[in-house]
Amino acid sequence: MDFYQCKKCDRKYAYVVTDMHVPGGKDREYAICPYCKEPGYSRVTSGFIYTYKLDSEGKPIPKSQA
């Protein structure tokens, strides 16, 4: 898990890049800010990028609690 500071709303959020480990089929995926929906960090991968809001201590909030 890594962190990114949104350039639009200036809030920090966490992101995880998954990889399906399949040959070919790679696309540029974006970490979408969970606060303002602005595209941020991007990477070419065959997987997905999941983003998470942070609590007051800077820890990721699980999607089930968001």
PDB file of N, CA and C in Angstrom:
ATOM      1  N   MET A   1       0.850  -1.168   0.000  1.00  0.00           N
ATOM      2  CA  MET A   1       0.000   0.000   0.000  1.00  0.00           C
ATOM      3  C   MET A   1       0.895   1.231   0.000  1.00  0.00           C
ATOM      4  N   ASP A   2       0.544   2.166  -0.866  1.00  0.00           N
ATOM      5  CA  ASP A   2       1.281   3.423  -0.972  1.00  0.00           C
ATOM      6  C   ASP A   2       0.310   4.577  -0.776  1.00  0.00           C
ATOM      7  N   PHE A   3       0.866   5.791  -0.700  1.00  0.00           N
ATOM      8  CA  PHE A   3       0.055   6.977  -0.470  1.00  0.00           C
ATOM      9  C   PHE A   3       0.297   7.996  -1.566  1.00  0.00           C
ATOM     10  N   TYR A   4      -0.721   8.816  -1.831  1.00  0.00           N
ATOM     11  CA  TYR A   4      -0.637   9.827  -2.873  1.00  0.00           C
ATOM     12  C   TYR A   4      -1.365  11.077  -2.389  1.00  0.00           C
ATOM     13  N   GLN A   5      -0.813  12.240  -2.701  1.00  0.00           N
ATOM     14  CA  GLN A   5      -1.432  13.523  -2.355  1.00  0.00           C
ATOM     15  C   GLN A   5      -2.131  14.055  -3.599  1.00  0.00           C
ATOM     16  N   CYS A   6      -3.447  14.214  -3.533  1.00  0.00           N
ATOM     17  CA  CYS A   6      -4.224  14.686  -4.679  1.00  0.00           C
ATOM     18  C   CYS A   6      -3.817  16.118  -5.029  1.00  0.00           C
ATOM     19  N   LYS A   7      -3.592  16.352  -6.299  1.00  0.00           N
ATOM     20  CA  LYS A   7      -3.189  17.692  -6.752  1.00  0.00           C
ATOM     21  C   LYS A   7      -4.372  18.652  -6.825  1.00  0.00           C
ATOM     22  N   LYS A   8      -5.596  18.122  -6.872  1.00  0.00           N
ATOM     23  CA  LYS A   8      -6.782  18.970  -6.959  1.00  0.00           C
ATOM     24  C   LYS A   8      -7.293  19.387  -5.574  1.00  0.00           C
ATOM     25  N   CYS A   9      -7.572  18.410  -4.699  1.00  0.00           N
ATOM     26  CA  CYS A   9      -8.147  18.729  -3.385  1.00  0.00           C
ATOM     27  C   CYS A   9      -7.102  18.744  -2.265  1.00  0.00           C
ATOM     28  N   ASP A  10      -5.863  18.334  -2.573  1.00  0.00           N
ATOM     29  CA  ASP A  10      -4.734  18.362  -1.636  1.00  0.00           C
ATOM     30  C   ASP A  10      -4.893  17.389  -0.472  1.00  0.00           C
ATOM     31  N   ARG A  11      -5.770  16.384  -0.609  1.00  0.00           N
ATOM     32  CA  ARG A  11      -5.936  15.385   0.449  1.00  0.00           C
ATOM     33  C   ARG A  11      -5.115  14.146   0.108  1.00  0.00           C
ATOM     34  N   LYS A  12      -4.642  13.494   1.139  1.00  0.00           N
ATOM     35  CA  LYS A  12      -3.829  12.297   0.975  1.00  0.00           C
ATOM     36  C   LYS A  12      -4.739  11.071   1.022  1.00  0.00           C
ATOM     37  N   TYR A  13      -4.438  10.069   0.182  1.00  0.00           N
ATOM     38  CA  TYR A  13      -5.181   8.817   0.191  1.00  0.00           C
ATOM     39  C   TYR A  13      -4.241   7.658  -0.093  1.00  0.00           C
ATOM     40  N   ALA A  14      -4.706   6.461   0.214  1.00  0.00           N
ATOM     41  CA  ALA A  14      -3.913   5.250   0.011  1.00  0.00           C
ATOM     42  C   ALA A  14      -4.360   4.575  -1.284  1.00  0.00           C
ATOM     43  N   TYR A  15      -3.428   3.840  -1.911  1.00  0.00           N
ATOM     44  CA  TYR A  15      -3.785   3.069  -3.097  1.00  0.00           C
ATOM     45  C   TYR A  15      -3.000   1.761  -3.130  1.00  0.00           C
ATOM     46  N   VAL A  16      -3.598   0.776  -3.771  1.00  0.00           N
ATOM     47  CA  VAL A  16      -2.980  -0.535  -3.940  1.00  0.00           C
ATOM     48  C   VAL A  16      -3.094  -0.900  -5.409  1.00  0.00           C
ATOM     49  N   VAL A  17      -1.977  -1.348  -6.002  1.00  0.00           N
ATOM     50  CA  VAL A  17      -1.971  -1.800  -7.391  1.00  0.00           C
ATOM     51  C   VAL A  17      -1.989  -3.326  -7.385  1.00  0.00           C
ATOM     52  N   THR A  18      -2.994  -3.905  -8.034  1.00  0.00           N
ATOM     53  CA  THR A  18      -3.052  -5.360  -8.150  1.00  0.00           C
ATOM     54  C   THR A  18      -2.547  -5.750  -9.530  1.00  0.00           C
ATOM     55  N   ASP A  19      -2.100  -6.962  -9.671  1.00  0.00           N
ATOM     56  CA  ASP A  19      -1.605  -7.441 -10.960  1.00  0.00           C
ATOM     57  C   ASP A  19      -2.133  -8.848 -11.174  1.00  0.00           C
ATOM     58  N   MET A  20      -2.739  -9.084 -12.329  1.00  0.00           N
ATOM     59  CA  MET A  20      -3.313 -10.395 -12.612  1.00  0.00           C
ATOM     60  C   MET A  20      -2.276 -11.355 -13.190  1.00  0.00           C
ATOM     61  N   HIS A  21      -1.062 -10.875 -13.463  1.00  0.00           N
ATOM     62  CA  HIS A  21       0.038 -11.700 -13.975  1.00  0.00           C
ATOM     63  C   HIS A  21      -0.352 -12.473 -15.234  1.00  0.00           C
ATOM     64  N   VAL A  22      -0.937 -11.758 -16.183  1.00  0.00           N
ATOM     65  CA  VAL A  22      -1.276 -12.376 -17.461  1.00  0.00           C
ATOM     66  C   VAL A  22      -0.473 -11.682 -18.559  1.00  0.00           C
ATOM     67  N   PRO A  23      -0.072 -12.415 -19.571  1.00  0.00           N
ATOM     68  CA  PRO A  23       0.693 -11.794 -20.653  1.00  0.00           C
ATOM     69  C   PRO A  23      -0.184 -10.872 -21.495  1.00  0.00           C
ATOM     70  N   GLY A  24       0.374  -9.744 -21.879  1.00  0.00           N
ATOM     71  CA  GLY A  24      -0.353  -8.798 -22.725  1.00  0.00           C
ATOM     72  C   GLY A  24      -1.513  -8.166 -21.989  1.00  0.00           C
ATOM     73  N   GLY A  25      -2.318  -7.411 -22.697  1.00  0.00           N
ATOM     74  CA  GLY A  25      -3.517  -6.821 -22.120  1.00  0.00           C
ATOM     75  C   GLY A  25      -3.282  -5.755 -21.080  1.00  0.00           C
ATOM     76  N   LYS A  26      -2.118  -5.120 -21.096  1.00  0.00           N
ATOM     77  CA  LYS A  26      -1.837  -4.081 -20.117  1.00  0.00           C
ATOM     78  C   LYS A  26      -2.397  -2.742 -20.580  1.00  0.00           C
ATOM     79  N   ASP A  27      -2.996  -2.022 -19.669  1.00  0.00           N
ATOM     80  CA  ASP A  27      -3.546  -0.691 -19.926  1.00  0.00           C
ATOM     81  C   ASP A  27      -3.078   0.254 -18.835  1.00  0.00           C
ATOM     82  N   ARG A  28      -3.160   1.553 -19.122  1.00  0.00           N
ATOM     83  CA  ARG A  28      -2.849   2.544 -18.092  1.00  0.00           C
ATOM     84  C   ARG A  28      -4.063   2.654 -17.181  1.00  0.00           C
ATOM     85  N   GLU A  29      -3.836   2.384 -15.899  1.00  0.00           N
ATOM     86  CA  GLU A  29      -4.886   2.487 -14.884  1.00  0.00           C
ATOM     87  C   GLU A  29      -4.576   3.689 -13.994  1.00  0.00           C
ATOM     88  N   TYR A  30      -5.614   4.340 -13.488  1.00  0.00           N
ATOM     89  CA  TYR A  30      -5.465   5.541 -12.661  1.00  0.00           C
ATOM     90  C   TYR A  30      -6.003   5.309 -11.258  1.00  0.00           C
ATOM     91  N   ALA A  31      -5.318   5.873 -10.285  1.00  0.00           N
ATOM     92  CA  ALA A  31      -5.832   5.919  -8.919  1.00  0.00           C
ATOM     93  C   ALA A  31      -6.742   7.143  -8.863  1.00  0.00           C
ATOM     94  N   ILE A  32      -8.029   6.921  -8.689  1.00  0.00           N
ATOM     95  CA  ILE A  32      -9.003   8.012  -8.646  1.00  0.00           C
ATOM     96  C   ILE A  32      -9.157   8.458  -7.195  1.00  0.00           C
ATOM     97  N   CYS A  33      -8.972   9.754  -6.948  1.00  0.00           N
ATOM     98  CA  CYS A  33      -9.076  10.291  -5.593  1.00  0.00           C
ATOM     99  C   CYS A  33     -10.452   9.938  -5.011  1.00  0.00           C
ATOM    100  N   PRO A  34     -10.490   9.290  -3.841  1.00  0.00           N
ATOM    101  CA  PRO A  34     -11.774   8.914  -3.255  1.00  0.00           C
ATOM    102  C   PRO A  34     -12.548  10.106  -2.684  1.00  0.00           C
ATOM    103  N   TYR A  35     -11.922  11.268  -2.622  1.00  0.00           N
ATOM    104  CA  TYR A  35     -12.584  12.457  -2.095  1.00  0.00           C
ATOM    105  C   TYR A  35     -13.197  13.316  -3.195  1.00  0.00           C
ATOM    106  N   CYS A  36     -12.418  13.639  -4.230  1.00  0.00           N
ATOM    107  CA  CYS A  36     -12.908  14.547  -5.267  1.00  0.00           C
ATOM    108  C   CYS A  36     -13.029  13.894  -6.647  1.00  0.00           C
ATOM    109  N   LYS A  37     -12.636  12.621  -6.766  1.00  0.00           N
ATOM    110  CA  LYS A  37     -12.737  11.822  -8.002  1.00  0.00           C
ATOM    111  C   LYS A  37     -11.778  12.262  -9.118  1.00  0.00           C
ATOM    112  N   GLU A  38     -10.750  13.001  -8.775  1.00  0.00           N
ATOM    113  CA  GLU A  38      -9.737  13.434  -9.746  1.00  0.00           C
ATOM    114  C   GLU A  38      -8.752  12.287 -10.010  1.00  0.00           C
ATOM    115  N   PRO A  39      -8.448  11.993 -11.287  1.00  0.00           N
ATOM    116  CA  PRO A  39      -7.421  10.983 -11.573  1.00  0.00           C
ATOM    117  C   PRO A  39      -6.071  11.448 -11.021  1.00  0.00           C
ATOM    118  N   GLY A  40      -5.344  10.528 -10.409  1.00  0.00           N
ATOM    119  CA  GLY A  40      -4.051  10.870  -9.820  1.00  0.00           C
ATOM    120  C   GLY A  40      -2.954   9.970 -10.352  1.00  0.00           C
ATOM    121  N   TYR A  41      -2.331   9.243  -9.456  1.00  0.00           N
ATOM    122  CA  TYR A  41      -1.254   8.313  -9.806  1.00  0.00           C
ATOM    123  C   TYR A  41      -1.735   7.361 -10.899  1.00  0.00           C
ATOM    124  N   SER A  42      -0.844   7.056 -11.845  1.00  0.00           N
ATOM    125  CA  SER A  42      -1.214   6.094 -12.891  1.00  0.00           C
ATOM    126  C   SER A  42      -0.065   5.125 -13.127  1.00  0.00           C
ATOM    127  N   ARG A  43      -0.433   3.973 -13.676  1.00  0.00           N
ATOM    128  CA  ARG A  43       0.557   2.929 -13.938  1.00  0.00           C
ATOM    129  C   ARG A  43       0.015   2.004 -15.018  1.00  0.00           C
ATOM    130  N   VAL A  44       0.917   1.478 -15.848  1.00  0.00           N
ATOM    131  CA  VAL A  44       0.535   0.494 -16.850  1.00  0.00           C
ATOM    132  C   VAL A  44       0.578  -0.872 -16.170  1.00  0.00           C
ATOM    133  N   THR A  45      -0.578  -1.549 -16.154  1.00  0.00           N
ATOM    134  CA  THR A  45      -0.683  -2.831 -15.459  1.00  0.00           C
ATOM    135  C   THR A  45      -1.774  -3.679 -16.097  1.00  0.00           C
ATOM    136  N   SER A  46      -1.727  -4.966 -15.847  1.00  0.00           N
ATOM    137  CA  SER A  46      -2.806  -5.844 -16.302  1.00  0.00           C
ATOM    138  C   SER A  46      -3.850  -5.993 -15.206  1.00  0.00           C
ATOM    139  N   GLY A  47      -3.661  -5.308 -14.087  1.00  0.00           N
ATOM    140  CA  GLY A  47      -4.582  -5.395 -12.957  1.00  0.00           C
ATOM    141  C   GLY A  47      -5.380  -4.124 -12.772  1.00  0.00           C
ATOM    142  N   PHE A  48      -5.594  -3.768 -11.514  1.00  0.00           N
ATOM    143  CA  PHE A  48      -6.413  -2.614 -11.152  1.00  0.00           C
ATOM    144  C   PHE A  48      -5.728  -1.812 -10.069  1.00  0.00           C
ATOM    145  N   ILE A  49      -6.187  -0.571  -9.868  1.00  0.00           N
ATOM    146  CA  ILE A  49      -5.710   0.262  -8.770  1.00  0.00           C
ATOM    147  C   ILE A  49      -6.916   0.575  -7.882  1.00  0.00           C
ATOM    148  N   TYR A  50      -6.806   0.222  -6.612  1.00  0.00           N
ATOM    149  CA  TYR A  50      -7.861   0.489  -5.640  1.00  0.00           C
ATOM    150  C   TYR A  50      -7.407   1.615  -4.723  1.00  0.00           C
ATOM    151  N   THR A  51      -8.317   2.544  -4.407  1.00  0.00           N
ATOM    152  CA  THR A  51      -7.981   3.674  -3.540  1.00  0.00           C
ATOM    153  C   THR A  51      -8.810   3.627  -2.260  1.00  0.00           C
ATOM    154  N   TYR A  52      -8.258   4.237  -1.203  1.00  0.00           N
ATOM    155  CA  TYR A  52      -8.894   4.225   0.111  1.00  0.00           C
ATOM    156  C   TYR A  52      -8.760   5.591   0.777  1.00  0.00           C
ATOM    157  N   LYS A  53      -9.836   6.039   1.411  1.00  0.00           N
ATOM    158  CA  LYS A  53      -9.770   7.237   2.235  1.00  0.00           C
ATOM    159  C   LYS A  53      -8.954   6.909   3.479  1.00  0.00           C
ATOM    160  N   LEU A  54      -8.442   7.946   4.139  1.00  0.00           N
ATOM    161  CA  LEU A  54      -7.651   7.760   5.355  1.00  0.00           C
ATOM    162  C   LEU A  54      -8.414   8.289   6.567  1.00  0.00           C
ATOM    163  N   ASP A  55      -8.224   7.622   7.717  1.00  0.00           N
ATOM    164  CA  ASP A  55      -8.852   8.111   8.940  1.00  0.00           C
ATOM    165  C   ASP A  55      -7.998   9.230   9.539  1.00  0.00           C
ATOM    166  N   SER A  56      -8.378   9.723  10.704  1.00  0.00           N
ATOM    167  CA  SER A  56      -7.672  10.855  11.317  1.00  0.00           C
ATOM    168  C   SER A  56      -6.234  10.521  11.704  1.00  0.00           C
ATOM    169  N   GLU A  57      -5.909   9.234  11.807  1.00  0.00           N
ATOM    170  CA  GLU A  57      -4.543   8.816  12.131  1.00  0.00           C
ATOM    171  C   GLU A  57      -3.728   8.486  10.886  1.00  0.00           C
ATOM    172  N   GLY A  58      -4.331   8.648   9.702  1.00  0.00           N
ATOM    173  CA  GLY A  58      -3.627   8.367   8.457  1.00  0.00           C
ATOM    174  C   GLY A  58      -3.654   6.912   8.040  1.00  0.00           C
ATOM    175  N   LYS A  59      -4.550   6.122   8.653  1.00  0.00           N
ATOM    176  CA  LYS A  59      -4.679   4.712   8.304  1.00  0.00           C
ATOM    177  C   LYS A  59      -5.814   4.532   7.292  1.00  0.00           C
ATOM    178  N   PRO A  60      -5.651   3.629   6.338  1.00  0.00           N
ATOM    179  CA  PRO A  60      -6.688   3.396   5.326  1.00  0.00           C
ATOM    180  C   PRO A  60      -7.990   2.897   5.961  1.00  0.00           C
ATOM    181  N   ILE A  61      -9.111   3.410   5.464  1.00  0.00           N
ATOM    182  CA  ILE A  61     -10.427   2.982   5.915  1.00  0.00           C
ATOM    183  C   ILE A  61     -10.912   1.898   4.953  1.00  0.00           C
ATOM    184  N   PRO A  62     -11.212   0.694   5.472  1.00  0.00           N
ATOM    185  CA  PRO A  62     -11.715  -0.371   4.588  1.00  0.00           C
ATOM    186  C   PRO A  62     -12.999   0.067   3.867  1.00  0.00           C
ATOM    187  N   LYS A  63     -13.182  -0.380   2.632  1.00  0.00           N
ATOM    188  CA  LYS A  63     -14.352   0.002   1.832  1.00  0.00           C
ATOM    189  C   LYS A  63     -15.666  -0.286   2.555  1.00  0.00           C
ATOM    190  N   SER A  64     -15.717  -1.343   3.345  1.00  0.00           N
ATOM    191  CA  SER A  64     -16.950  -1.706   4.037  1.00  0.00           C
ATOM    192  C   SER A  64     -17.324  -0.697   5.121  1.00  0.00           C
ATOM    193  N   GLN A  65     -16.360   0.138   5.547  1.00  0.00           N
ATOM    194  CA  GLN A  65     -16.618   1.131   6.589  1.00  0.00           C
ATOM    195  C   GLN A  65     -16.662   2.554   6.059  1.00  0.00           C
ATOM    196  N   ALA A  66     -16.398   2.724   4.777  1.00  0.00           N
ATOM    197  CA  ALA A  66     -16.320   4.075   4.195  1.00  0.00           C
ATOM    198  C   ALA A  66     -17.682   4.684   4.001  1.00  0.00           C
TER     199      ALA A  66
END
